[in-house]
Amino acid sequence: MQKFLKNINFTDLRQQKATLVEMSAKSKGKEREALDAIIGLVDSLQDTAVDRYGYEEEEVFNLSKED
């Protein structure tokens, strides 16, 4: 998993996740369910990177010190 995580561009992933969230908000039914499932998968991937593999929250989630 750690090798897999090293190949992820977390900046791109954050932007892609934001796009999916916007799309989900405009969707209904099965389309929304599918988008929400993918968003959940991205959330889990981000959490795993931070919680299990020691990635910095700022890198993964783009949080500032004030957040």
C-alpha atoms as a PDB file:
ATOM      1  CA  MET A   1       0.000   0.000   0.000  1.00  0.00           C
ATOM      2  CA  GLN A   2       2.812   2.425   0.823  1.00  0.00           C
ATOM      3  CA  LYS A   3       4.253   2.065  -2.706  1.00  0.00           C
ATOM      4  CA  PHE A   4       0.763   2.686  -4.081  1.00  0.00           C
ATOM      5  CA  LEU A   5       0.382   5.847  -1.971  1.00  0.00           C
ATOM      6  CA  LYS A   6       3.720   7.223  -3.166  1.00  0.00           C
ATOM      7  CA  ASN A   7       2.308   7.324  -6.698  1.00  0.00           C
ATOM      8  CA  ILE A   8      -0.673   9.471  -5.714  1.00  0.00           C
ATOM      9  CA  ASN A   9      -0.587  13.181  -6.416  1.00  0.00           C
ATOM     10  CA  PHE A  10      -2.596  14.394  -3.426  1.00  0.00           C
ATOM     11  CA  THR A  11      -3.021  17.875  -4.900  1.00  0.00           C
ATOM     12  CA  ASP A  12      -4.731  16.407  -7.956  1.00  0.00           C
ATOM     13  CA  LEU A  13      -6.725  14.009  -5.791  1.00  0.00           C
ATOM     14  CA  ARG A  14      -8.080  16.877  -3.661  1.00  0.00           C
ATOM     15  CA  GLN A  15      -9.173  18.752  -6.775  1.00  0.00           C
ATOM     16  CA  GLN A  16     -10.762  15.641  -8.268  1.00  0.00           C
ATOM     17  CA  LYS A  17     -12.579  14.927  -5.013  1.00  0.00           C
ATOM     18  CA  ALA A  18     -13.924  18.493  -4.935  1.00  0.00           C
ATOM     19  CA  THR A  19     -15.238  18.037  -8.469  1.00  0.00           C
ATOM     20  CA  LEU A  20     -16.942  14.791  -7.473  1.00  0.00           C
ATOM     21  CA  VAL A  21     -18.545  16.490  -4.467  1.00  0.00           C
ATOM     22  CA  GLU A  22     -19.914  19.246  -6.722  1.00  0.00           C
ATOM     23  CA  MET A  23     -21.224  16.681  -9.202  1.00  0.00           C
ATOM     24  CA  SER A  24     -22.840  14.663  -6.408  1.00  0.00           C
ATOM     25  CA  ALA A  25     -24.653  17.718  -5.087  1.00  0.00           C
ATOM     26  CA  LYS A  26     -26.250  18.187  -8.510  1.00  0.00           C
ATOM     27  CA  SER A  27     -27.074  14.504  -9.028  1.00  0.00           C
ATOM     28  CA  LYS A  28     -29.920  12.252  -7.956  1.00  0.00           C
ATOM     29  CA  GLY A  29     -30.619   8.587  -7.451  1.00  0.00           C
ATOM     30  CA  LYS A  30     -28.123   5.945  -8.501  1.00  0.00           C
ATOM     31  CA  GLU A  31     -25.762   8.493 -10.030  1.00  0.00           C
ATOM     32  CA  ARG A  32     -25.509  10.314  -6.697  1.00  0.00           C
ATOM     33  CA  GLU A  33     -25.069   7.041  -4.825  1.00  0.00           C
ATOM     34  CA  ALA A  34     -22.210   6.061  -7.144  1.00  0.00           C
ATOM     35  CA  LEU A  35     -20.485   9.421  -6.774  1.00  0.00           C
ATOM     36  CA  ASP A  36     -20.895   9.339  -2.991  1.00  0.00           C
ATOM     37  CA  ALA A  37     -19.355   5.856  -2.900  1.00  0.00           C
ATOM     38  CA  ILE A  38     -16.328   7.053  -4.845  1.00  0.00           C
ATOM     39  CA  ILE A  39     -16.015  10.086  -2.559  1.00  0.00           C
ATOM     40  CA  GLY A  40     -16.081   7.697   0.412  1.00  0.00           C
ATOM     41  CA  LEU A  41     -13.321   5.646  -1.182  1.00  0.00           C
ATOM     42  CA  VAL A  42     -11.179   8.763  -1.611  1.00  0.00           C
ATOM     43  CA  ASP A  43     -11.872   9.713   2.029  1.00  0.00           C
ATOM     44  CA  SER A  44     -10.721   6.284   3.181  1.00  0.00           C
ATOM     45  CA  LEU A  45      -7.605   6.497   1.051  1.00  0.00           C
ATOM     46  CA  GLN A  46      -6.747   9.901   2.481  1.00  0.00           C
ATOM     47  CA  ASP A  47      -7.400   8.734   6.056  1.00  0.00           C
ATOM     48  CA  THR A  48      -5.232   5.656   5.543  1.00  0.00           C
ATOM     49  CA  ALA A  49      -2.375   7.736   4.161  1.00  0.00           C
ATOM     50  CA  VAL A  50      -2.411   9.933   7.271  1.00  0.00           C
ATOM     51  CA  ASP A  51      -3.387   7.468  10.000  1.00  0.00           C
ATOM     52  CA  ARG A  52      -1.436   4.376   8.965  1.00  0.00           C
ATOM     53  CA  TYR A  53       1.409   5.618   6.797  1.00  0.00           C
ATOM     54  CA  GLY A  54       2.340   8.911   8.433  1.00  0.00           C
ATOM     55  CA  TYR A  55       1.570  11.301   5.612  1.00  0.00           C
ATOM     56  CA  GLU A  56       1.132  14.877   6.754  1.00  0.00           C
ATOM     57  CA  GLU A  57      -2.484  16.068   6.966  1.00  0.00           C
ATOM     58  CA  GLU A  58      -1.480  19.292   5.206  1.00  0.00           C
ATOM     59  CA  GLU A  59      -0.226  17.294   2.204  1.00  0.00           C
ATOM     60  CA  VAL A  60      -3.233  14.994   2.015  1.00  0.00           C
ATOM     61  CA  PHE A  61      -6.080  17.335   3.013  1.00  0.00           C
ATOM     62  CA  ASN A  62      -4.507  20.782   2.345  1.00  0.00           C
ATOM     63  CA  LEU A  63      -5.301  21.991   5.855  1.00  0.00           C
ATOM     64  CA  SER A  64      -3.818  25.189   7.177  1.00  0.00           C
ATOM     65  CA  LYS A  65      -2.609  25.575  10.736  1.00  0.00           C
ATOM     66  CA  GLU A  66      -5.787  27.539  11.566  1.00  0.00           C
ATOM     67  CA  ASP A  67      -8.175  24.708  10.500  1.00  0.00           C
END
